[in-house]
PDB file of all heavy atoms in Angstrom:
ATOM      1  N   ALA A   1      -9.924  -2.358 -12.407  1.00  0.00           N
ATOM      2  CA  ALA A   1      -9.587  -1.048 -12.972  1.00  0.00           C
ATOM      3  C   ALA A   1     -10.556   0.044 -12.533  1.00  0.00           C
ATOM      4  O   ALA A   1     -10.142   1.180 -12.289  1.00  0.00           O
ATOM      5  CB  ALA A   1      -9.534  -1.132 -14.495  1.00  0.00           C
ATOM      6  N   ASP A   2     -11.832  -0.278 -12.390  1.00  0.00           N
ATOM      7  CA  ASP A   2     -12.804   0.744 -11.999  1.00  0.00           C
ATOM      8  C   ASP A   2     -12.774   1.045 -10.500  1.00  0.00           C
ATOM      9  O   ASP A   2     -13.380   2.017 -10.055  1.00  0.00           O
ATOM     10  CB  ASP A   2     -14.213   0.329 -12.417  1.00  0.00           C
ATOM     11  CG  ASP A   2     -14.674  -0.961 -11.765  1.00  0.00           C
ATOM     12  OD1 ASP A   2     -13.811  -1.761 -11.353  1.00  0.00           O
ATOM     13  OD2 ASP A   2     -15.898  -1.169 -11.671  1.00  0.00           O
ATOM     14  N   ARG A   3     -12.072   0.239  -9.718  1.00  0.00           N
ATOM     15  CA  ARG A   3     -11.988   0.449  -8.267  1.00  0.00           C
ATOM     16  C   ARG A   3     -10.738   1.225  -7.867  1.00  0.00           C
ATOM     17  O   ARG A   3     -10.719   1.856  -6.822  1.00  0.00           O
ATOM     18  CB  ARG A   3     -12.015  -0.895  -7.552  1.00  0.00           C
ATOM     19  CG  ARG A   3     -13.331  -1.629  -7.704  1.00  0.00           C
ATOM     20  CD  ARG A   3     -13.253  -2.956  -6.973  1.00  0.00           C
ATOM     21  NE  ARG A   3     -14.474  -3.707  -7.149  1.00  0.00           N
ATOM     22  CZ  ARG A   3     -14.639  -4.662  -8.057  1.00  0.00           C
ATOM     23  NH1 ARG A   3     -13.661  -4.972  -8.872  1.00  0.00           N
ATOM     24  NH2 ARG A   3     -15.772  -5.302  -8.157  1.00  0.00           N
ATOM     25  N   ILE A   4      -9.678   1.150  -8.660  1.00  0.00           N
ATOM     26  CA  ILE A   4      -8.418   1.823  -8.350  1.00  0.00           C
ATOM     27  C   ILE A   4      -8.435   3.170  -9.070  1.00  0.00           C
ATOM     28  O   ILE A   4      -8.463   3.225 -10.292  1.00  0.00           O
ATOM     29  CB  ILE A   4      -7.224   0.958  -8.772  1.00  0.00           C
ATOM     30  CG1 ILE A   4      -7.262  -0.370  -8.006  1.00  0.00           C
ATOM     31  CG2 ILE A   4      -5.921   1.692  -8.533  1.00  0.00           C
ATOM     32  CD1 ILE A   4      -6.259  -1.394  -8.466  1.00  0.00           C
ATOM     33  N   ILE A   5      -8.388   4.258  -8.292  1.00  0.00           N
ATOM     34  CA  ILE A   5      -8.608   5.577  -8.881  1.00  0.00           C
ATOM     35  C   ILE A   5      -7.359   6.458  -8.917  1.00  0.00           C
ATOM     36  O   ILE A   5      -7.436   7.602  -9.341  1.00  0.00           O
ATOM     37  CB  ILE A   5      -9.757   6.310  -8.159  1.00  0.00           C
ATOM     38  CG1 ILE A   5      -9.487   6.430  -6.673  1.00  0.00           C
ATOM     39  CG2 ILE A   5     -11.064   5.602  -8.419  1.00  0.00           C
ATOM     40  CD1 ILE A   5     -10.541   7.205  -5.906  1.00  0.00           C
ATOM     41  N   ASP A   6      -6.212   5.950  -8.500  1.00  0.00           N
ATOM     42  CA  ASP A   6      -4.988   6.731  -8.561  1.00  0.00           C
ATOM     43  C   ASP A   6      -3.797   5.783  -8.605  1.00  0.00           C
ATOM     44  O   ASP A   6      -3.919   4.599  -8.286  1.00  0.00           O
ATOM     45  CB  ASP A   6      -4.888   7.655  -7.341  1.00  0.00           C
ATOM     46  CG  ASP A   6      -3.991   8.846  -7.566  1.00  0.00           C
ATOM     47  OD1 ASP A   6      -3.371   8.951  -8.646  1.00  0.00           O
ATOM     48  OD2 ASP A   6      -3.907   9.693  -6.649  1.00  0.00           O
ATOM     49  N   GLU A   7      -2.656   6.315  -9.013  1.00  0.00           N
ATOM     50  CA  GLU A   7      -1.430   5.516  -9.044  1.00  0.00           C
ATOM     51  C   GLU A   7      -1.036   5.108  -7.623  1.00  0.00           C
ATOM     52  O   GLU A   7      -1.223   5.887  -6.681  1.00  0.00           O
ATOM     53  CB  GLU A   7      -0.283   6.329  -9.662  1.00  0.00           C
ATOM     54  CG  GLU A   7      -0.451   6.587 -11.137  1.00  0.00           C
ATOM     55  CD  GLU A   7      -0.346   5.311 -11.961  1.00  0.00           C
ATOM     56  OE1 GLU A   7       0.561   4.499 -11.697  1.00  0.00           O
ATOM     57  OE2 GLU A   7      -1.183   5.138 -12.865  1.00  0.00           O
ATOM     58  N   PRO A   8      -0.467   3.916  -7.444  1.00  0.00           N
ATOM     59  CA  PRO A   8      -0.038   3.518  -6.099  1.00  0.00           C
ATOM     60  C   PRO A   8       1.139   4.373  -5.632  1.00  0.00           C
ATOM     61  O   PRO A   8       1.960   4.813  -6.433  1.00  0.00           O
ATOM     62  CB  PRO A   8       0.377   2.055  -6.267  1.00  0.00           C
ATOM     63  CG  PRO A   8       0.635   1.884  -7.712  1.00  0.00           C
ATOM     64  CD  PRO A   8      -0.209   2.880  -8.435  1.00  0.00           C
ATOM     65  N   GLU A   9       1.172   4.617  -4.346  1.00  0.00           N
ATOM     66  CA  GLU A   9       2.293   5.323  -3.727  1.00  0.00           C
ATOM     67  C   GLU A   9       3.084   4.291  -2.924  1.00  0.00           C
ATOM     68  O   GLU A   9       2.601   3.769  -1.921  1.00  0.00           O
ATOM     69  CB  GLU A   9       1.796   6.430  -2.804  1.00  0.00           C
ATOM     70  CG  GLU A   9       2.913   7.170  -2.115  1.00  0.00           C
ATOM     71  CD  GLU A   9       2.404   8.163  -1.082  1.00  0.00           C
ATOM     72  OE1 GLU A   9       1.179   8.371  -0.999  1.00  0.00           O
ATOM     73  OE2 GLU A   9       3.243   8.708  -0.358  1.00  0.00           O
ATOM     74  N   ILE A  10       4.273   3.981  -3.394  1.00  0.00           N
ATOM     75  CA  ILE A  10       5.121   2.997  -2.711  1.00  0.00           C
ATOM     76  C   ILE A  10       6.031   3.762  -1.773  1.00  0.00           C
ATOM     77  O   ILE A  10       6.971   4.442  -2.206  1.00  0.00           O
ATOM     78  CB  ILE A  10       5.914   2.158  -3.720  1.00  0.00           C
ATOM     79  CG1 ILE A  10       4.942   1.433  -4.645  1.00  0.00           C
ATOM     80  CG2 ILE A  10       6.826   1.169  -2.985  1.00  0.00           C
ATOM     81  CD1 ILE A  10       5.597   0.723  -5.804  1.00  0.00           C
ATOM     82  N   VAL A  11       5.736   3.676  -0.473  1.00  0.00           N
ATOM     83  CA  VAL A  11       6.492   4.412   0.527  1.00  0.00           C
ATOM     84  C   VAL A  11       7.823   3.708   0.793  1.00  0.00           C
ATOM     85  O   VAL A  11       8.852   4.344   0.895  1.00  0.00           O
ATOM     86  CB  VAL A  11       5.671   4.580   1.820  1.00  0.00           C
ATOM     87  CG1 VAL A  11       6.451   5.327   2.875  1.00  0.00           C
ATOM     88  CG2 VAL A  11       4.361   5.289   1.510  1.00  0.00           C
ATOM     89  N   GLY A  12       7.806   2.390   0.892  1.00  0.00           N
ATOM     90  CA  GLY A  12       9.035   1.625   1.089  1.00  0.00           C
ATOM     91  C   GLY A  12       9.001   0.784   2.348  1.00  0.00           C
ATOM     92  O   GLY A  12       7.933   0.458   2.869  1.00  0.00           O
ATOM     93  N   VAL A  13      10.174   0.473   2.870  1.00  0.00           N
ATOM     94  CA  VAL A  13      10.292  -0.360   4.064  1.00  0.00           C
ATOM     95  C   VAL A  13       9.878   0.473   5.277  1.00  0.00           C
ATOM     96  O   VAL A  13      10.437   1.534   5.543  1.00  0.00           O
ATOM     97  CB  VAL A  13      11.721  -0.896   4.240  1.00  0.00           C
ATOM     98  CG1 VAL A  13      11.851  -1.689   5.536  1.00  0.00           C
ATOM     99  CG2 VAL A  13      12.111  -1.758   3.047  1.00  0.00           C
ATOM    100  N   GLU A  14       8.892  -0.012   5.989  1.00  0.00           N
ATOM    101  CA  GLU A  14       8.366   0.669   7.169  1.00  0.00           C
ATOM    102  C   GLU A  14       9.074   0.218   8.437  1.00  0.00           C
ATOM    103  O   GLU A  14       9.328   1.000   9.328  1.00  0.00           O
ATOM    104  CB  GLU A  14       6.863   0.392   7.264  1.00  0.00           C
ATOM    105  CG  GLU A  14       6.157   1.042   8.414  1.00  0.00           C
ATOM    106  CD  GLU A  14       5.943   2.534   8.195  1.00  0.00           C
ATOM    107  OE1 GLU A  14       6.086   3.017   7.063  1.00  0.00           O
ATOM    108  OE2 GLU A  14       5.636   3.209   9.173  1.00  0.00           O
ATOM    109  N   ALA A  15       9.368  -1.099   8.524  1.00  0.00           N
ATOM    110  CA  ALA A  15       9.993  -1.641   9.735  1.00  0.00           C
ATOM    111  C   ALA A  15      10.630  -2.984   9.426  1.00  0.00           C
ATOM    112  O   ALA A  15      10.240  -3.671   8.486  1.00  0.00           O
ATOM    113  CB  ALA A  15       8.951  -1.801  10.841  1.00  0.00           C
ATOM    114  N   LEU A  16      11.609  -3.331  10.248  1.00  0.00           N
ATOM    115  CA  LEU A  16      12.255  -4.646  10.194  1.00  0.00           C
ATOM    116  C   LEU A  16      12.022  -5.324  11.533  1.00  0.00           C
ATOM    117  O   LEU A  16      12.228  -4.719  12.581  1.00  0.00           O
ATOM    118  CB  LEU A  16      13.756  -4.511   9.933  1.00  0.00           C
ATOM    119  CG  LEU A  16      14.144  -3.848   8.613  1.00  0.00           C
ATOM    120  CD1 LEU A  16      15.643  -3.616   8.575  1.00  0.00           C
ATOM    121  CD2 LEU A  16      13.704  -4.686   7.447  1.00  0.00           C
ATOM    122  N   GLY A  17      11.602  -6.578  11.497  1.00  0.00           N
ATOM    123  CA  GLY A  17      11.371  -7.326  12.727  1.00  0.00           C
ATOM    124  C   GLY A  17      12.184  -8.602  12.733  1.00  0.00           C
ATOM    125  O   GLY A  17      12.944  -8.882  11.808  1.00  0.00           O
ATOM    126  N   ASP A  18      12.030  -9.375  13.810  1.00  0.00           N
ATOM    127  CA  ASP A  18      12.739 -10.644  13.916  1.00  0.00           C
ATOM    128  C   ASP A  18      12.388 -11.586  12.775  1.00  0.00           C
ATOM    129  O   ASP A  18      13.226 -12.335  12.302  1.00  0.00           O
ATOM    130  CB  ASP A  18      12.429 -11.341  15.242  1.00  0.00           C
ATOM    131  CG  ASP A  18      13.029 -10.610  16.427  1.00  0.00           C
ATOM    132  OD1 ASP A  18      13.975  -9.823  16.224  1.00  0.00           O
ATOM    133  OD2 ASP A  18      12.545 -10.822  17.549  1.00  0.00           O
ATOM    134  N   SER A  19      11.139 -11.549  12.355  1.00  0.00           N
ATOM    135  CA  SER A  19      10.712 -12.465  11.296  1.00  0.00           C
ATOM    136  C   SER A  19       9.817 -11.761  10.286  1.00  0.00           C
ATOM    137  O   SER A  19       8.921 -12.376   9.726  1.00  0.00           O
ATOM    138  CB  SER A  19       9.999 -13.663  11.913  1.00  0.00           C
ATOM    139  OG  SER A  19       8.841 -13.227  12.586  1.00  0.00           O
ATOM    140  N   ALA A  20      10.067 -10.471  10.047  1.00  0.00           N
ATOM    141  CA  ALA A  20       9.198  -9.753   9.111  1.00  0.00           C
ATOM    142  C   ALA A  20       9.901  -8.529   8.539  1.00  0.00           C
ATOM    143  O   ALA A  20      10.753  -7.938   9.185  1.00  0.00           O
ATOM    144  CB  ALA A  20       7.921  -9.319   9.813  1.00  0.00           C
ATOM    145  N   VAL A  21       9.521  -8.197   7.335  1.00  0.00           N
ATOM    146  CA  VAL A  21       9.861  -6.928   6.719  1.00  0.00           C
ATOM    147  C   VAL A  21       8.523  -6.277   6.389  1.00  0.00           C
ATOM    148  O   VAL A  21       7.734  -6.821   5.626  1.00  0.00           O
ATOM    149  CB  VAL A  21      10.703  -7.113   5.438  1.00  0.00           C
ATOM    150  CG1 VAL A  21      10.959  -5.778   4.771  1.00  0.00           C
ATOM    151  CG2 VAL A  21      12.002  -7.827   5.748  1.00  0.00           C
ATOM    152  N   ILE A  22       8.253  -5.128   6.993  1.00  0.00           N
ATOM    153  CA  ILE A  22       6.985  -4.441   6.805  1.00  0.00           C
ATOM    154  C   ILE A  22       7.164  -3.377   5.728  1.00  0.00           C
ATOM    155  O   ILE A  22       8.006  -2.491   5.857  1.00  0.00           O
ATOM    156  CB  ILE A  22       6.504  -3.765   8.111  1.00  0.00           C
ATOM    157  CG1 ILE A  22       6.508  -4.752   9.275  1.00  0.00           C
ATOM    158  CG2 ILE A  22       5.135  -3.121   7.913  1.00  0.00           C
ATOM    159  CD1 ILE A  22       5.590  -5.921   9.115  1.00  0.00           C
ATOM    160  N   LEU A  23       6.387  -3.498   4.659  1.00  0.00           N
ATOM    161  CA  LEU A  23       6.429  -2.542   3.561  1.00  0.00           C
ATOM    162  C   LEU A  23       5.161  -1.691   3.595  1.00  0.00           C
ATOM    163  O   LEU A  23       4.104  -2.168   3.994  1.00  0.00           O
ATOM    164  CB  LEU A  23       6.509  -3.278   2.217  1.00  0.00           C
ATOM    165  CG  LEU A  23       7.653  -4.268   2.057  1.00  0.00           C
ATOM    166  CD1 LEU A  23       7.520  -5.003   0.740  1.00  0.00           C
ATOM    167  CD2 LEU A  23       8.979  -3.560   2.143  1.00  0.00           C
ATOM    168  N   ARG A  24       5.279  -0.445   3.165  1.00  0.00           N
ATOM    169  CA  ARG A  24       4.099   0.425   3.128  1.00  0.00           C
ATOM    170  C   ARG A  24       3.816   0.851   1.696  1.00  0.00           C
ATOM    171  O   ARG A  24       4.705   1.284   0.973  1.00  0.00           O
ATOM    172  CB  ARG A  24       4.294   1.650   3.992  1.00  0.00           C
ATOM    173  CG  ARG A  24       3.059   2.548   3.990  1.00  0.00           C
ATOM    174  CD  ARG A  24       3.117   3.610   5.037  1.00  0.00           C
ATOM    175  NE  ARG A  24       3.214   3.073   6.365  1.00  0.00           N
ATOM    176  CZ  ARG A  24       2.198   2.919   7.213  1.00  0.00           C
ATOM    177  NH1 ARG A  24       0.986   3.225   6.813  1.00  0.00           N
ATOM    178  NH2 ARG A  24       2.387   2.452   8.412  1.00  0.00           N
ATOM    179  N   LEU A  25       2.558   0.670   1.307  1.00  0.00           N
ATOM    180  CA  LEU A  25       2.076   1.059  -0.011  1.00  0.00           C
ATOM    181  C   LEU A  25       0.695   1.670   0.181  1.00  0.00           C
ATOM    182  O   LEU A  25      -0.112   1.161   0.949  1.00  0.00           O
ATOM    183  CB  LEU A  25       1.965  -0.172  -0.913  1.00  0.00           C
ATOM    184  CG  LEU A  25       1.229   0.051  -2.211  1.00  0.00           C
ATOM    185  CD1 LEU A  25       2.214   0.062  -3.367  1.00  0.00           C
ATOM    186  CD2 LEU A  25       0.184  -1.012  -2.412  1.00  0.00           C
ATOM    187  N   ARG A  26       0.445   2.756  -0.495  1.00  0.00           N
ATOM    188  CA  ARG A  26      -0.882   3.375  -0.445  1.00  0.00           C
ATOM    189  C   ARG A  26      -1.528   3.247  -1.816  1.00  0.00           C
ATOM    190  O   ARG A  26      -0.915   3.554  -2.828  1.00  0.00           O
ATOM    191  CB  ARG A  26      -0.770   4.841  -0.059  1.00  0.00           C
ATOM    192  CG  ARG A  26      -0.298   5.037   1.352  1.00  0.00           C
ATOM    193  CD  ARG A  26      -0.351   6.510   1.734  1.00  0.00           C
ATOM    194  NE  ARG A  26       0.232   6.683   3.043  1.00  0.00           N
ATOM    195  CZ  ARG A  26       1.329   7.395   3.275  1.00  0.00           C
ATOM    196  NH1 ARG A  26       1.947   8.018   2.292  1.00  0.00           N
ATOM    197  NH2 ARG A  26       1.813   7.494   4.488  1.00  0.00           N
ATOM    198  N   LEU A  27      -2.770   2.813  -1.797  1.00  0.00           N
ATOM    199  CA  LEU A  27      -3.518   2.620  -3.029  1.00  0.00           C
ATOM    200  C   LEU A  27      -4.881   3.275  -2.849  1.00  0.00           C
ATOM    201  O   LEU A  27      -5.634   2.901  -1.949  1.00  0.00           O
ATOM    202  CB  LEU A  27      -3.665   1.124  -3.302  1.00  0.00           C
ATOM    203  CG  LEU A  27      -4.115   0.690  -4.668  1.00  0.00           C
ATOM    204  CD1 LEU A  27      -3.169   1.193  -5.749  1.00  0.00           C
ATOM    205  CD2 LEU A  27      -4.187  -0.822  -4.733  1.00  0.00           C
ATOM    206  N   LYS A  28      -5.181   4.263  -3.655  1.00  0.00           N
ATOM    207  CA  LYS A  28      -6.452   4.983  -3.553  1.00  0.00           C
ATOM    208  C   LYS A  28      -7.503   4.239  -4.365  1.00  0.00           C
ATOM    209  O   LYS A  28      -7.324   3.997  -5.555  1.00  0.00           O
ATOM    210  CB  LYS A  28      -6.286   6.407  -4.062  1.00  0.00           C
ATOM    211  CG  LYS A  28      -7.429   7.305  -3.714  1.00  0.00           C
ATOM    212  CD  LYS A  28      -7.082   8.749  -4.045  1.00  0.00           C
ATOM    213  CE  LYS A  28      -8.155   9.685  -3.566  1.00  0.00           C
ATOM    214  NZ  LYS A  28      -7.799  11.087  -3.848  1.00  0.00           N
ATOM    215  N   VAL A  29      -8.594   3.886  -3.677  1.00  0.00           N
ATOM    216  CA  VAL A  29      -9.656   3.099  -4.298  1.00  0.00           C
ATOM    217  C   VAL A  29     -11.010   3.762  -4.053  1.00  0.00           C
ATOM    218  O   VAL A  29     -11.131   4.668  -3.227  1.00  0.00           O
ATOM    219  CB  VAL A  29      -9.671   1.644  -3.770  1.00  0.00           C
ATOM    220  CG1 VAL A  29      -8.361   0.939  -4.070  1.00  0.00           C
ATOM    221  CG2 VAL A  29      -9.960   1.605  -2.286  1.00  0.00           C
ATOM    222  N   THR A  30     -12.017   3.283  -4.745  1.00  0.00           N
ATOM    223  CA  THR A  30     -13.366   3.812  -4.568  1.00  0.00           C
ATOM    224  C   THR A  30     -13.901   3.426  -3.184  1.00  0.00           C
ATOM    225  O   THR A  30     -13.502   2.395  -2.626  1.00  0.00           O
ATOM    226  CB  THR A  30     -14.305   3.272  -5.656  1.00  0.00           C
ATOM    227  OG1 THR A  30     -14.283   1.844  -5.617  1.00  0.00           O
ATOM    228  CG2 THR A  30     -13.900   3.762  -7.028  1.00  0.00           C
ATOM    229  N   PRO A  31     -14.790   4.249  -2.636  1.00  0.00           N
ATOM    230  CA  PRO A  31     -15.349   3.949  -1.309  1.00  0.00           C
ATOM    231  C   PRO A  31     -16.013   2.576  -1.270  1.00  0.00           C
ATOM    232  O   PRO A  31     -16.737   2.186  -2.178  1.00  0.00           O
ATOM    233  CB  PRO A  31     -16.388   5.058  -1.106  1.00  0.00           C
ATOM    234  CG  PRO A  31     -15.935   6.180  -1.982  1.00  0.00           C
ATOM    235  CD  PRO A  31     -15.302   5.514  -3.176  1.00  0.00           C
ATOM    236  N   GLY A  32     -15.705   1.842  -0.200  1.00  0.00           N
ATOM    237  CA  GLY A  32     -16.308   0.531   0.001  1.00  0.00           C
ATOM    238  C   GLY A  32     -15.587  -0.624  -0.666  1.00  0.00           C
ATOM    239  O   GLY A  32     -15.908  -1.778  -0.409  1.00  0.00           O
ATOM    240  N   SER A  33     -14.619  -0.346  -1.522  1.00  0.00           N
ATOM    241  CA  SER A  33     -13.924  -1.440  -2.218  1.00  0.00           C
ATOM    242  C   SER A  33     -12.558  -1.754  -1.623  1.00  0.00           C
ATOM    243  O   SER A  33     -11.860  -2.633  -2.122  1.00  0.00           O
ATOM    244  CB  SER A  33     -13.782  -1.116  -3.705  1.00  0.00           C
ATOM    245  OG  SER A  33     -12.926  -0.007  -3.885  1.00  0.00           O
TER     246      SER A  33
END
C-alpha cells in the first residue's frame, strides 16, 4: 500500500500474437519500488 501511489490505469489489449495476448496496465509507484 505504501508503494502504490495512484489508481491503476488499465489501457487494455495492446497486441495479439500467435501465442500471446499483450495487455497494458500502468501502475504509479514510489521511486525504486
